[in-house]
C-alpha cells in the first residue's frame, strides 16, 4: 500500500485481495512503523478516501475511446486524493484510526 503511488511512501500492507461482483475488494492495515503511515493517516483523517491501482495490462481490447482490461498484473494499490475511478474508495473499519497502533480497514470495491 502506497501513498499517491510514491514508492518511497510505503504506508501499509494488503492482507487480503479478491475479485467480487463489483470489482476488486481489499483489506489492509497501516502499521505505525511504515515510512508513509503518518501521511496516510493524516490524509484519511482529512477525509481522503480515494484508491488507485498501478498495473500492467496483460490482455486488453480497444473499446470506443478506451479499453477493456480483461487481465492485468496488479503491482500496487495506493491511497490517493483524486482516484481515476470515482467509485474506488476506502471504507474505514469501526476500529478507527489510532495514531500509535496498527490501523485496520476495509476498502470499498471498485466499480466493475
PDB file of N, CA and C in Angstrom:
ATOM      1  N   UNK A   1       0.846  -1.164   0.000  1.00  0.00           N
ATOM      2  CA  UNK A   1       0.000   0.000   0.000  1.00  0.00           C
ATOM      3  C   UNK A   1       0.899   1.237   0.000  1.00  0.00           C
ATOM      4  N   UNK A   2       0.677   2.076  -1.000  1.00  0.00           N
ATOM      5  CA  UNK A   2       1.477   3.285  -1.130  1.00  0.00           C
ATOM      6  C   UNK A   2       0.607   4.521  -0.926  1.00  0.00           C
ATOM      7  N   UNK A   3       1.261   5.665  -0.774  1.00  0.00           N
ATOM      8  CA  UNK A   3       0.583   6.955  -0.721  1.00  0.00           C
ATOM      9  C   UNK A   3       0.827   7.638  -2.058  1.00  0.00           C
ATOM     10  N   UNK A   4      -0.249   7.948  -2.782  1.00  0.00           N
ATOM     11  CA  UNK A   4      -0.177   8.673  -4.058  1.00  0.00           C
ATOM     12  C   UNK A   4       0.812   8.037  -5.048  1.00  0.00           C
ATOM     13  N   UNK A   5       0.908   6.733  -5.074  1.00  0.00           N
ATOM     14  CA  UNK A   5       1.771   5.969  -5.986  1.00  0.00           C
ATOM     15  C   UNK A   5       3.268   6.220  -5.777  1.00  0.00           C
ATOM     16  N   UNK A   6       3.646   6.784  -4.643  1.00  0.00           N
ATOM     17  CA  UNK A   6       5.055   7.062  -4.348  1.00  0.00           C
ATOM     18  C   UNK A   6       5.710   5.822  -3.748  1.00  0.00           C
ATOM     19  N   UNK A   7       6.663   5.235  -4.456  1.00  0.00           N
ATOM     20  CA  UNK A   7       7.329   4.015  -3.994  1.00  0.00           C
ATOM     21  C   UNK A   7       8.013   4.199  -2.639  1.00  0.00           C
ATOM     22  N   UNK A   8       8.495   5.387  -2.351  1.00  0.00           N
ATOM     23  CA  UNK A   8       9.193   5.628  -1.082  1.00  0.00           C
ATOM     24  C   UNK A   8       8.232   5.817   0.089  1.00  0.00           C
ATOM     25  N   UNK A   9       6.930   5.950  -0.210  1.00  0.00           N
ATOM     26  CA  UNK A   9       5.943   6.167   0.846  1.00  0.00           C
ATOM     27  C   UNK A   9       5.081   4.929   1.070  1.00  0.00           C
ATOM     28  N   UNK A  10       5.732   3.866   1.485  1.00  0.00           N
ATOM     29  CA  UNK A  10       5.008   2.652   1.846  1.00  0.00           C
ATOM     30  C   UNK A  10       4.208   2.948   3.111  1.00  0.00           C
ATOM     31  N   UNK A  11       2.884   2.814   3.013  1.00  0.00           N
ATOM     32  CA  UNK A  11       2.019   3.146   4.148  1.00  0.00           C
ATOM     33  C   UNK A  11       1.588   1.918   4.925  1.00  0.00           C
ATOM     34  N   UNK A  12       1.483   0.784   4.242  1.00  0.00           N
ATOM     35  CA  UNK A  12       0.986  -0.400   4.917  1.00  0.00           C
ATOM     36  C   UNK A  12       0.963  -1.593   3.995  1.00  0.00           C
ATOM     37  N   UNK A  13       0.093  -2.536   4.319  1.00  0.00           N
ATOM     38  CA  UNK A  13       0.067  -3.814   3.613  1.00  0.00           C
ATOM     39  C   UNK A  13      -1.366  -4.227   3.319  1.00  0.00           C
ATOM     40  N   UNK A  14      -1.538  -4.912   2.220  1.00  0.00           N
ATOM     41  CA  UNK A  14      -2.830  -5.521   1.890  1.00  0.00           C
ATOM     42  C   UNK A  14      -2.787  -6.959   2.379  1.00  0.00           C
ATOM     43  N   UNK A  15      -3.673  -7.294   3.288  1.00  0.00           N
ATOM     44  CA  UNK A  15      -3.736  -8.635   3.859  1.00  0.00           C
ATOM     45  C   UNK A  15      -4.591  -9.578   3.030  1.00  0.00           C
ATOM     46  N   UNK A  16      -5.565  -9.012   2.327  1.00  0.00           N
ATOM     47  CA  UNK A  16      -6.498  -9.835   1.556  1.00  0.00           C
ATOM     48  C   UNK A  16      -6.928  -9.061   0.317  1.00  0.00           C
ATOM     49  N   UNK A  17      -7.005  -9.751  -0.802  1.00  0.00           N
ATOM     50  CA  UNK A  17      -7.488  -9.156  -2.054  1.00  0.00           C
ATOM     51  C   UNK A  17      -8.279 -10.208  -2.806  1.00  0.00           C
ATOM     52  N   UNK A  18      -9.438  -9.789  -3.300  1.00  0.00           N
ATOM     53  CA  UNK A  18     -10.242 -10.715  -4.097  1.00  0.00           C
ATOM     54  C   UNK A  18     -11.142  -9.923  -5.039  1.00  0.00           C
ATOM     55  N   UNK A  19     -11.544 -10.582  -6.099  1.00  0.00           N
ATOM     56  CA  UNK A  19     -12.488 -10.007  -7.032  1.00  0.00           C
ATOM     57  C   UNK A  19     -13.881 -10.460  -6.630  1.00  0.00           C
ATOM     58  N   UNK A  20     -14.841  -9.553  -6.691  1.00  0.00           N
ATOM     59  CA  UNK A  20     -16.223  -9.937  -6.414  1.00  0.00           C
ATOM     60  C   UNK A  20     -17.121  -9.353  -7.502  1.00  0.00           C
ATOM     61  N   UNK A  21     -18.411  -9.355  -7.285  1.00  0.00           N
ATOM     62  CA  UNK A  21     -19.355  -8.888  -8.287  1.00  0.00           C
ATOM     63  C   UNK A  21     -19.249  -7.418  -8.626  1.00  0.00           C
ATOM     64  N   UNK A  22     -18.623  -6.624  -7.771  1.00  0.00           N
ATOM     65  CA  UNK A  22     -18.469  -5.189  -8.014  1.00  0.00           C
ATOM     66  C   UNK A  22     -17.082  -4.816  -8.510  1.00  0.00           C
ATOM     67  N   UNK A  23     -16.090  -5.656  -8.265  1.00  0.00           N
ATOM     68  CA  UNK A  23     -14.731  -5.321  -8.664  1.00  0.00           C
ATOM     69  C   UNK A  23     -13.716  -5.890  -7.697  1.00  0.00           C
ATOM     70  N   UNK A  24     -12.696  -5.103  -7.395  1.00  0.00           N
ATOM     71  CA  UNK A  24     -11.624  -5.535  -6.506  1.00  0.00           C
ATOM     72  C   UNK A  24     -11.962  -5.151  -5.068  1.00  0.00           C
ATOM     73  N   UNK A  25     -11.872  -6.115  -4.158  1.00  0.00           N
ATOM     74  CA  UNK A  25     -12.105  -5.895  -2.733  1.00  0.00           C
ATOM     75  C   UNK A  25     -10.792  -6.160  -2.018  1.00  0.00           C
ATOM     76  N   UNK A  26     -10.403  -5.250  -1.125  1.00  0.00           N
ATOM     77  CA  UNK A  26      -9.135  -5.367  -0.409  1.00  0.00           C
ATOM     78  C   UNK A  26      -9.340  -5.150   1.083  1.00  0.00           C
ATOM     79  N   UNK A  27      -8.466  -5.765   1.865  1.00  0.00           N
ATOM     80  CA  UNK A  27      -8.408  -5.485   3.298  1.00  0.00           C
ATOM     81  C   UNK A  27      -6.936  -5.238   3.614  1.00  0.00           C
ATOM     82  N   UNK A  28      -6.677  -4.187   4.384  1.00  0.00           N
ATOM     83  CA  UNK A  28      -5.295  -3.872   4.692  1.00  0.00           C
ATOM     84  C   UNK A  28      -5.134  -3.226   6.048  1.00  0.00           C
ATOM     85  N   UNK A  29      -3.894  -2.895   6.349  1.00  0.00           N
ATOM     86  CA  UNK A  29      -3.584  -2.244   7.616  1.00  0.00           C
ATOM     87  C   UNK A  29      -2.435  -1.277   7.418  1.00  0.00           C
ATOM     88  N   UNK A  30      -2.390  -0.288   8.307  1.00  0.00           N
ATOM     89  CA  UNK A  30      -1.333   0.720   8.272  1.00  0.00           C
ATOM     90  C   UNK A  30      -0.575   0.652   9.593  1.00  0.00           C
ATOM     91  N   UNK A  31       0.509  -0.130   9.654  1.00  0.00           N
ATOM     92  CA  UNK A  31       1.315  -0.171  10.879  1.00  0.00           C
ATOM     93  C   UNK A  31       2.043   1.162  11.073  1.00  0.00           C
ATOM     94  N   UNK A  32       2.168   1.599  12.304  1.00  0.00           N
ATOM     95  CA  UNK A  32       2.767   2.896  12.611  1.00  0.00           C
ATOM     96  C   UNK A  32       4.219   3.018  12.163  1.00  0.00           C
ATOM     97  N   UNK A  33       4.922   1.904  11.989  1.00  0.00           N
ATOM     98  CA  UNK A  33       6.356   1.966  11.688  1.00  0.00           C
ATOM     99  C   UNK A  33       6.685   2.076  10.198  1.00  0.00           C
ATOM    100  N   UNK A  34       5.704   2.266   9.338  1.00  0.00           N
ATOM    101  CA  UNK A  34       5.967   2.367   7.903  1.00  0.00           C
ATOM    102  C   UNK A  34       6.246   3.817   7.505  1.00  0.00           C
ATOM    103  N   UNK A  35       7.130   4.047   6.508  1.00  0.00           N
ATOM    104  CA  UNK A  35       7.531   5.404   6.132  1.00  0.00           C
ATOM    105  C   UNK A  35       6.371   6.327   5.743  1.00  0.00           C
ATOM    106  N   UNK A  36       5.336   5.794   5.121  1.00  0.00           N
ATOM    107  CA  UNK A  36       4.215   6.625   4.690  1.00  0.00           C
ATOM    108  C   UNK A  36       3.008   6.564   5.604  1.00  0.00           C
ATOM    109  N   UNK A  37       3.124   5.883   6.738  1.00  0.00           N
ATOM    110  CA  UNK A  37       1.968   5.673   7.621  1.00  0.00           C
ATOM    111  C   UNK A  37       1.398   6.981   8.160  1.00  0.00           C
ATOM    112  N   UNK A  38       2.249   7.863   8.649  1.00  0.00           N
ATOM    113  CA  UNK A  38       1.756   9.118   9.229  1.00  0.00           C
ATOM    114  C   UNK A  38       1.041   9.952   8.169  1.00  0.00           C
ATOM    115  N   UNK A  39       1.608  10.015   6.978  1.00  0.00           N
ATOM    116  CA  UNK A  39       0.963  10.784   5.906  1.00  0.00           C
ATOM    117  C   UNK A  39      -0.370  10.154   5.517  1.00  0.00           C
ATOM    118  N   UNK A  40      -0.409   8.839   5.390  1.00  0.00           N
ATOM    119  CA  UNK A  40      -1.659   8.163   5.037  1.00  0.00           C
ATOM    120  C   UNK A  40      -2.720   8.422   6.097  1.00  0.00           C
ATOM    121  N   UNK A  41      -2.357   8.356   7.348  1.00  0.00           N
ATOM    122  CA  UNK A  41      -3.321   8.599   8.425  1.00  0.00           C
ATOM    123  C   UNK A  41      -3.833  10.031   8.410  1.00  0.00           C
ATOM    124  N   UNK A  42      -2.937  10.996   8.142  1.00  0.00           N
ATOM    125  CA  UNK A  42      -3.375  12.395   8.052  1.00  0.00           C
ATOM    126  C   UNK A  42      -4.355  12.575   6.897  1.00  0.00           C
ATOM    127  N   UNK A  43      -4.042  11.952   5.762  1.00  0.00           N
ATOM    128  CA  UNK A  43      -4.933  12.048   4.604  1.00  0.00           C
ATOM    129  C   UNK A  43      -6.314  11.480   4.939  1.00  0.00           C
ATOM    130  N   UNK A  44      -6.340  10.297   5.528  1.00  0.00           N
ATOM    131  CA  UNK A  44      -7.609   9.648   5.868  1.00  0.00           C
ATOM    132  C   UNK A  44      -8.378  10.491   6.889  1.00  0.00           C
ATOM    133  N   UNK A  45      -7.684  11.051   7.869  1.00  0.00           N
ATOM    134  CA  UNK A  45      -8.333  11.887   8.880  1.00  0.00           C
ATOM    135  C   UNK A  45      -8.952  13.136   8.254  1.00  0.00           C
ATOM    136  N   UNK A  46      -8.360  13.642   7.169  1.00  0.00           N
ATOM    137  CA  UNK A  46      -8.896  14.810   6.455  1.00  0.00           C
ATOM    138  C   UNK A  46     -10.013  14.434   5.491  1.00  0.00           C
ATOM    139  N   UNK A  47     -10.318  13.152   5.396  1.00  0.00           N
ATOM    140  CA  UNK A  47     -11.411  12.735   4.524  1.00  0.00           C
ATOM    141  C   UNK A  47     -10.988  12.195   3.177  1.00  0.00           C
ATOM    142  N   UNK A  48      -9.690  12.086   2.930  1.00  0.00           N
ATOM    143  CA  UNK A  48      -9.231  11.494   1.671  1.00  0.00           C
ATOM    144  C   UNK A  48      -9.557  10.005   1.711  1.00  0.00           C
ATOM    145  N   UNK A  49     -10.256   9.531   0.696  1.00  0.00           N
ATOM    146  CA  UNK A  49     -10.652   8.119   0.688  1.00  0.00           C
ATOM    147  C   UNK A  49     -10.522   7.476  -0.692  1.00  0.00           C
ATOM    148  N   UNK A  50      -9.773   8.100  -1.586  1.00  0.00           N
ATOM    149  CA  UNK A  50      -9.609   7.555  -2.930  1.00  0.00           C
ATOM    150  C   UNK A  50      -8.575   6.449  -2.986  1.00  0.00           C
ATOM    151  N   UNK A  51      -8.780   5.537  -3.922  1.00  0.00           N
ATOM    152  CA  UNK A  51      -7.846   4.445  -4.176  1.00  0.00           C
ATOM    153  C   UNK A  51      -7.519   4.411  -5.657  1.00  0.00           C
ATOM    154  N   UNK A  52      -6.327   3.984  -5.972  1.00  0.00           N
ATOM    155  CA  UNK A  52      -5.900   3.879  -7.359  1.00  0.00           C
ATOM    156  C   UNK A  52      -4.928   2.713  -7.483  1.00  0.00           C
ATOM    157  N   UNK A  53      -5.022   2.004  -8.599  1.00  0.00           N
ATOM    158  CA  UNK A  53      -4.147   0.848  -8.791  1.00  0.00           C
ATOM    159  C   UNK A  53      -3.050   1.159  -9.796  1.00  0.00           C
ATOM    160  N   UNK A  54      -1.907   0.558  -9.568  1.00  0.00           N
ATOM    161  CA  UNK A  54      -0.826   0.530 -10.545  1.00  0.00           C
ATOM    162  C   UNK A  54      -0.794  -0.871 -11.123  1.00  0.00           C
ATOM    163  N   UNK A  55      -0.836  -0.976 -12.443  1.00  0.00           N
ATOM    164  CA  UNK A  55      -0.942  -2.294 -13.063  1.00  0.00           C
ATOM    165  C   UNK A  55      -0.274  -2.307 -14.428  1.00  0.00           C
ATOM    166  N   UNK A  56      -0.064  -3.511 -14.921  1.00  0.00           N
ATOM    167  CA  UNK A  56       0.410  -3.741 -16.287  1.00  0.00           C
ATOM    168  C   UNK A  56      -0.674  -4.558 -16.983  1.00  0.00           C
ATOM    169  N   UNK A  57      -1.214  -4.065 -18.114  1.00  0.00           N
ATOM    170  CA  UNK A  57      -2.223  -4.858 -18.820  1.00  0.00           C
ATOM    171  C   UNK A  57      -1.608  -6.112 -19.424  1.00  0.00           C
ATOM    172  N   UNK A  58      -2.267  -7.236 -19.245  1.00  0.00           N
ATOM    173  CA  UNK A  58      -1.841  -8.500 -19.845  1.00  0.00           C
ATOM    174  C   UNK A  58      -2.691  -8.770 -21.079  1.00  0.00           C
ATOM    175  N   UNK A  59      -4.016  -8.643 -20.925  1.00  0.00           N
ATOM    176  CA  UNK A  59      -4.951  -8.789 -22.041  1.00  0.00           C
ATOM    177  C   UNK A  59      -5.911  -7.609 -21.984  1.00  0.00           C
ATOM    178  N   UNK A  60      -5.981  -6.844 -23.074  1.00  0.00           N
ATOM    179  CA  UNK A  60      -6.881  -5.694 -23.153  1.00  0.00           C
ATOM    180  C   UNK A  60      -7.394  -5.569 -24.578  1.00  0.00           C
ATOM    181  N   UNK A  61      -8.607  -5.019 -24.698  1.00  0.00           N
ATOM    182  CA  UNK A  61      -9.220  -4.814 -26.007  1.00  0.00           C
ATOM    183  C   UNK A  61      -9.664  -3.362 -26.123  1.00  0.00           C
ATOM    184  N   UNK A  62      -9.462  -2.787 -27.304  1.00  0.00           N
ATOM    185  CA  UNK A  62      -9.940  -1.430 -27.557  1.00  0.00           C
ATOM    186  C   UNK A  62     -11.461  -1.408 -27.468  1.00  0.00           C
ATOM    187  N   UNK A  63     -11.978  -0.320 -26.894  1.00  0.00           N
ATOM    188  CA  UNK A  63     -13.430  -0.160 -26.767  1.00  0.00           C
ATOM    189  C   UNK A  63     -13.734   1.337 -26.803  1.00  0.00           C
ATOM    190  N   UNK A  64     -14.264   1.810 -27.922  1.00  0.00           N
ATOM    191  CA  UNK A  64     -14.531   3.238 -28.051  1.00  0.00           C
ATOM    192  C   UNK A  64     -13.245   4.031 -27.920  1.00  0.00           C
ATOM    193  N   UNK A  65     -13.266   5.026 -27.027  1.00  0.00           N
ATOM    194  CA  UNK A  65     -12.073   5.841 -26.791  1.00  0.00           C
ATOM    195  C   UNK A  65     -11.182   5.257 -25.701  1.00  0.00           C
ATOM    196  N   UNK A  66     -11.557   4.104 -25.172  1.00  0.00           N
ATOM    197  CA  UNK A  66     -10.786   3.499 -24.090  1.00  0.00           C
ATOM    198  C   UNK A  66     -10.427   2.060 -24.384  1.00  0.00           C
ATOM    199  N   UNK A  67     -10.399   1.265 -23.343  1.00  0.00           N
ATOM    200  CA  UNK A  67     -10.079  -0.152 -23.485  1.00  0.00           C
ATOM    201  C   UNK A  67     -10.770  -0.944 -22.384  1.00  0.00           C
ATOM    202  N   UNK A  68     -10.966  -2.205 -22.652  1.00  0.00           N
ATOM    203  CA  UNK A  68     -11.500  -3.133 -21.667  1.00  0.00           C
ATOM    204  C   UNK A  68     -10.333  -3.980 -21.189  1.00  0.00           C
ATOM    205  N   UNK A  69     -10.075  -3.938 -19.896  1.00  0.00           N
ATOM    206  CA  UNK A  69      -8.994  -4.729 -19.315  1.00  0.00           C
ATOM    207  C   UNK A  69      -9.547  -6.097 -18.951  1.00  0.00           C
ATOM    208  N   UNK A  70      -9.060  -7.116 -19.616  1.00  0.00           N
ATOM    209  CA  UNK A  70      -9.514  -8.484 -19.378  1.00  0.00           C
ATOM    210  C   UNK A  70      -8.656  -9.139 -18.304  1.00  0.00           C
ATOM    211  N   UNK A  71      -7.356  -8.880 -18.361  1.00  0.00           N
ATOM    212  CA  UNK A  71      -6.422  -9.437 -17.379  1.00  0.00           C
ATOM    213  C   UNK A  71      -5.313  -8.426 -17.139  1.00  0.00           C
ATOM    214  N   UNK A  72      -4.962  -8.226 -15.862  1.00  0.00           N
ATOM    215  CA  UNK A  72      -3.869  -7.319 -15.514  1.00  0.00           C
ATOM    216  C   UNK A  72      -2.951  -7.986 -14.499  1.00  0.00           C
ATOM    217  N   UNK A  73      -1.734  -7.474 -14.419  1.00  0.00           N
ATOM    218  CA  UNK A  73      -0.840  -7.790 -13.306  1.00  0.00           C
ATOM    219  C   UNK A  73      -0.918  -6.595 -12.364  1.00  0.00           C
ATOM    220  N   UNK A  74      -1.479  -6.800 -11.187  1.00  0.00           N
ATOM    221  CA  UNK A  74      -1.630  -5.738 -10.204  1.00  0.00           C
ATOM    222  C   UNK A  74      -0.293  -5.525  -9.499  1.00  0.00           C
ATOM    223  N   UNK A  75       0.241  -4.312  -9.589  1.00  0.00           N
ATOM    224  CA  UNK A  75       1.534  -4.004  -8.985  1.00  0.00           C
ATOM    225  C   UNK A  75       1.391  -3.372  -7.604  1.00  0.00           C
ATOM    226  N   UNK A  76       0.411  -2.485  -7.455  1.00  0.00           N
ATOM    227  CA  UNK A  76       0.218  -1.812  -6.176  1.00  0.00           C
ATOM    228  C   UNK A  76      -1.145  -1.143  -6.147  1.00  0.00           C
ATOM    229  N   UNK A  77      -1.600  -0.832  -4.933  1.00  0.00           N
ATOM    230  CA  UNK A  77      -2.824  -0.064  -4.727  1.00  0.00           C
ATOM    231  C   UNK A  77      -2.471   1.072  -3.776  1.00  0.00           C
ATOM    232  N   UNK A  78      -2.790   2.301  -4.190  1.00  0.00           N
ATOM    233  CA  UNK A  78      -2.432   3.481  -3.413  1.00  0.00           C
ATOM    234  C   UNK A  78      -3.653   4.189  -2.849  1.00  0.00           C
ATOM    235  N   UNK A  79      -3.453   4.837  -1.711  1.00  0.00           N
ATOM    236  CA  UNK A  79      -4.416   5.806  -1.195  1.00  0.00           C
ATOM    237  C   UNK A  79      -4.106   7.104  -1.928  1.00  0.00           C
ATOM    238  N   UNK A  80      -5.124   7.680  -2.583  1.00  0.00           N
ATOM    239  CA  UNK A  80      -4.900   8.869  -3.408  1.00  0.00           C
ATOM    240  C   UNK A  80      -5.964   9.931  -3.154  1.00  0.00           C
ATOM    241  N   UNK A  81      -5.601  11.164  -3.449  1.00  0.00           N
ATOM    242  CA  UNK A  81      -6.522  12.282  -3.311  1.00  0.00           C
ATOM    243  C   UNK A  81      -7.566  12.281  -4.417  1.00  0.00           C
ATOM    244  N   UNK A  82      -7.144  12.001  -5.647  1.00  0.00           N
ATOM    245  CA  UNK A  82      -8.039  12.050  -6.804  1.00  0.00           C
ATOM    246  C   UNK A  82      -7.960  10.741  -7.584  1.00  0.00           C
ATOM    247  N   UNK A  83      -8.821   9.771  -7.262  1.00  0.00           N
ATOM    248  CA  UNK A  83      -8.773   8.496  -7.993  1.00  0.00           C
ATOM    249  C   UNK A  83      -9.322   8.640  -9.411  1.00  0.00           C
ATOM    250  N   UNK A  84      -8.741   7.910 -10.349  1.00  0.00           N
ATOM    251  CA  UNK A  84      -9.237   7.898 -11.723  1.00  0.00           C
ATOM    252  C   UNK A  84     -10.644   7.304 -11.761  1.00  0.00           C
ATOM    253  N   UNK A  85     -10.875   6.254 -10.994  1.00  0.00           N
ATOM    254  CA  UNK A  85     -12.196   5.614 -10.904  1.00  0.00           C
ATOM    255  C   UNK A  85     -12.894   6.192  -9.669  1.00  0.00           C
ATOM    256  N   UNK A  86     -13.913   7.030  -9.861  1.00  0.00           N
ATOM    257  CA  UNK A  86     -14.541   7.714  -8.729  1.00  0.00           C
ATOM    258  C   UNK A  86     -15.159   6.787  -7.677  1.00  0.00           C
ATOM    259  N   UNK A  87     -15.475   5.551  -8.036  1.00  0.00           N
ATOM    260  CA  UNK A  87     -16.082   4.631  -7.076  1.00  0.00           C
ATOM    261  C   UNK A  87     -15.055   3.819  -6.286  1.00  0.00           C
ATOM    262  N   UNK A  88     -13.775   4.001  -6.569  1.00  0.00           N
ATOM    263  CA  UNK A  88     -12.723   3.276  -5.843  1.00  0.00           C
ATOM    264  C   UNK A  88     -12.447   4.032  -4.544  1.00  0.00           C
ATOM    265  N   UNK A  89     -13.021   3.549  -3.458  1.00  0.00           N
ATOM    266  CA  UNK A  89     -12.989   4.286  -2.191  1.00  0.00           C
ATOM    267  C   UNK A  89     -12.600   3.412  -1.014  1.00  0.00           C
ATOM    268  N   UNK A  90     -11.995   4.051  -0.042  1.00  0.00           N
ATOM    269  CA  UNK A  90     -11.611   3.419   1.208  1.00  0.00           C
ATOM    270  C   UNK A  90     -12.794   3.486   2.172  1.00  0.00           C
ATOM    271  N   UNK A  91     -13.017   2.421   2.875  1.00  0.00           N
ATOM    272  CA  UNK A  91     -14.038   2.399   3.927  1.00  0.00           C
ATOM    273  C   UNK A  91     -13.342   1.956   5.202  1.00  0.00           C
ATOM    274  N   UNK A  92     -13.283   2.835   6.154  1.00  0.00           N
ATOM    275  CA  UNK A  92     -12.566   2.555   7.400  1.00  0.00           C
ATOM    276  C   UNK A  92     -13.348   1.586   8.272  1.00  0.00           C
ATOM    277  N   UNK A  93     -12.635   0.731   8.959  1.00  0.00           N
ATOM    278  CA  UNK A  93     -13.278  -0.219   9.870  1.00  0.00           C
ATOM    279  C   UNK A  93     -13.788   0.514  11.104  1.00  0.00           C
ATOM    280  N   UNK A  94     -14.679  -0.108  11.857  1.00  0.00           N
ATOM    281  CA  UNK A  94     -15.177   0.511  13.089  1.00  0.00           C
ATOM    282  C   UNK A  94     -14.078   0.766  14.121  1.00  0.00           C
ATOM    283  N   UNK A  95     -12.947   0.108  13.974  1.00  0.00           N
ATOM    284  CA  UNK A  95     -11.839   0.286  14.918  1.00  0.00           C
ATOM    285  C   UNK A  95     -11.340   1.721  14.888  1.00  0.00           C
ATOM    286  N   UNK A  96     -11.342   2.349  13.711  1.00  0.00           N
ATOM    287  CA  UNK A  96     -10.912   3.730  13.585  1.00  0.00           C
ATOM    288  C   UNK A  96      -9.412   3.866  13.450  1.00  0.00           C
ATOM    289  N   UNK A  97      -8.979   5.090  13.331  1.00  0.00           N
ATOM    290  CA  UNK A  97      -7.552   5.376  13.189  1.00  0.00           C
ATOM    291  C   UNK A  97      -6.968   5.629  14.567  1.00  0.00           C
ATOM    292  N   UNK A  98      -5.953   4.859  14.904  1.00  0.00           N
ATOM    293  CA  UNK A  98      -5.255   5.012  16.173  1.00  0.00           C
ATOM    294  C   UNK A  98      -3.814   5.378  15.836  1.00  0.00           C
ATOM    295  N   UNK A  99      -3.356   6.491  16.319  1.00  0.00           N
ATOM    296  CA  UNK A  99      -2.052   7.000  15.924  1.00  0.00           C
ATOM    297  C   UNK A  99      -0.892   6.100  16.339  1.00  0.00           C
ATOM    298  N   UNK A 100      -1.004   5.385  17.443  1.00  0.00           N
ATOM    299  CA  UNK A 100       0.139   4.626  17.929  1.00  0.00           C
ATOM    300  C   UNK A 100       0.040   3.132  17.663  1.00  0.00           C
ATOM    301  N   UNK A 101      -1.057   2.694  17.074  1.00  0.00           N
ATOM    302  CA  UNK A 101      -1.243   1.273  16.831  1.00  0.00           C
ATOM    303  C   UNK A 101      -1.458   1.020  15.346  1.00  0.00           C
ATOM    304  N   UNK A 102      -1.589  -0.221  15.001  1.00  0.00           N
ATOM    305  CA  UNK A 102      -1.903  -0.580  13.628  1.00  0.00           C
ATOM    306  C   UNK A 102      -3.321  -0.143  13.311  1.00  0.00           C
ATOM    307  N   UNK A 103      -3.499   0.468  12.167  1.00  0.00           N
ATOM    308  CA  UNK A 103      -4.820   0.862  11.713  1.00  0.00           C
ATOM    309  C   UNK A 103      -5.335  -0.198  10.762  1.00  0.00           C
ATOM    310  N   UNK A 104      -6.466  -0.755  11.074  1.00  0.00           N
ATOM    311  CA  UNK A 104      -7.068  -1.771  10.214  1.00  0.00           C
ATOM    312  C   UNK A 104      -8.249  -1.157   9.487  1.00  0.00           C
ATOM    313  N   UNK A 105      -8.423  -1.514   8.229  1.00  0.00           N
ATOM    314  CA  UNK A 105      -9.552  -1.004   7.474  1.00  0.00           C
ATOM    315  C   UNK A 105      -9.880  -1.926   6.320  1.00  0.00           C
ATOM    316  N   UNK A 106     -11.066  -1.742   5.805  1.00  0.00           N
ATOM    317  CA  UNK A 106     -11.522  -2.452   4.617  1.00  0.00           C
ATOM    318  C   UNK A 106     -11.650  -1.430   3.498  1.00  0.00           C
ATOM    319  N   UNK A 107     -11.581  -1.886   2.287  1.00  0.00           N
ATOM    320  CA  UNK A 107     -11.716  -0.986   1.158  1.00  0.00           C
ATOM    321  C   UNK A 107     -12.954  -1.318   0.363  1.00  0.00           C
ATOM    322  N   UNK A 108     -13.643  -0.276  -0.012  1.00  0.00           N
ATOM    323  CA  UNK A 108     -14.815  -0.446  -0.845  1.00  0.00           C
ATOM    324  C   UNK A 108     -14.381  -0.932  -2.216  1.00  0.00           C
ATOM    325  N   UNK A 109     -15.171  -1.755  -2.802  1.00  0.00           N
ATOM    326  CA  UNK A 109     -14.840  -2.320  -4.098  1.00  0.00           C
ATOM    327  C   UNK A 109     -14.820  -1.232  -5.172  1.00  0.00           C
ATOM    328  N   UNK A 110     -14.010  -1.429  -6.191  1.00  0.00           N
ATOM    329  CA  UNK A 110     -14.035  -0.547  -7.347  1.00  0.00           C
ATOM    330  C   UNK A 110     -15.176  -0.973  -8.244  1.00  0.00           C
ATOM    331  N   UNK A 111     -15.611  -0.069  -9.068  1.00  0.00           N
ATOM    332  CA  UNK A 111     -16.691  -0.406  -9.999  1.00  0.00           C
ATOM    333  C   UNK A 111     -16.180  -1.409 -11.013  1.00  0.00           C
ATOM    334  N   UNK A 112     -17.028  -2.346 -11.390  1.00  0.00           N
ATOM    335  CA  UNK A 112     -16.637  -3.372 -12.358  1.00  0.00           C
ATOM    336  C   UNK A 112     -16.619  -2.797 -13.752  1.00  0.00           C
TER     337      UNK A 112
END
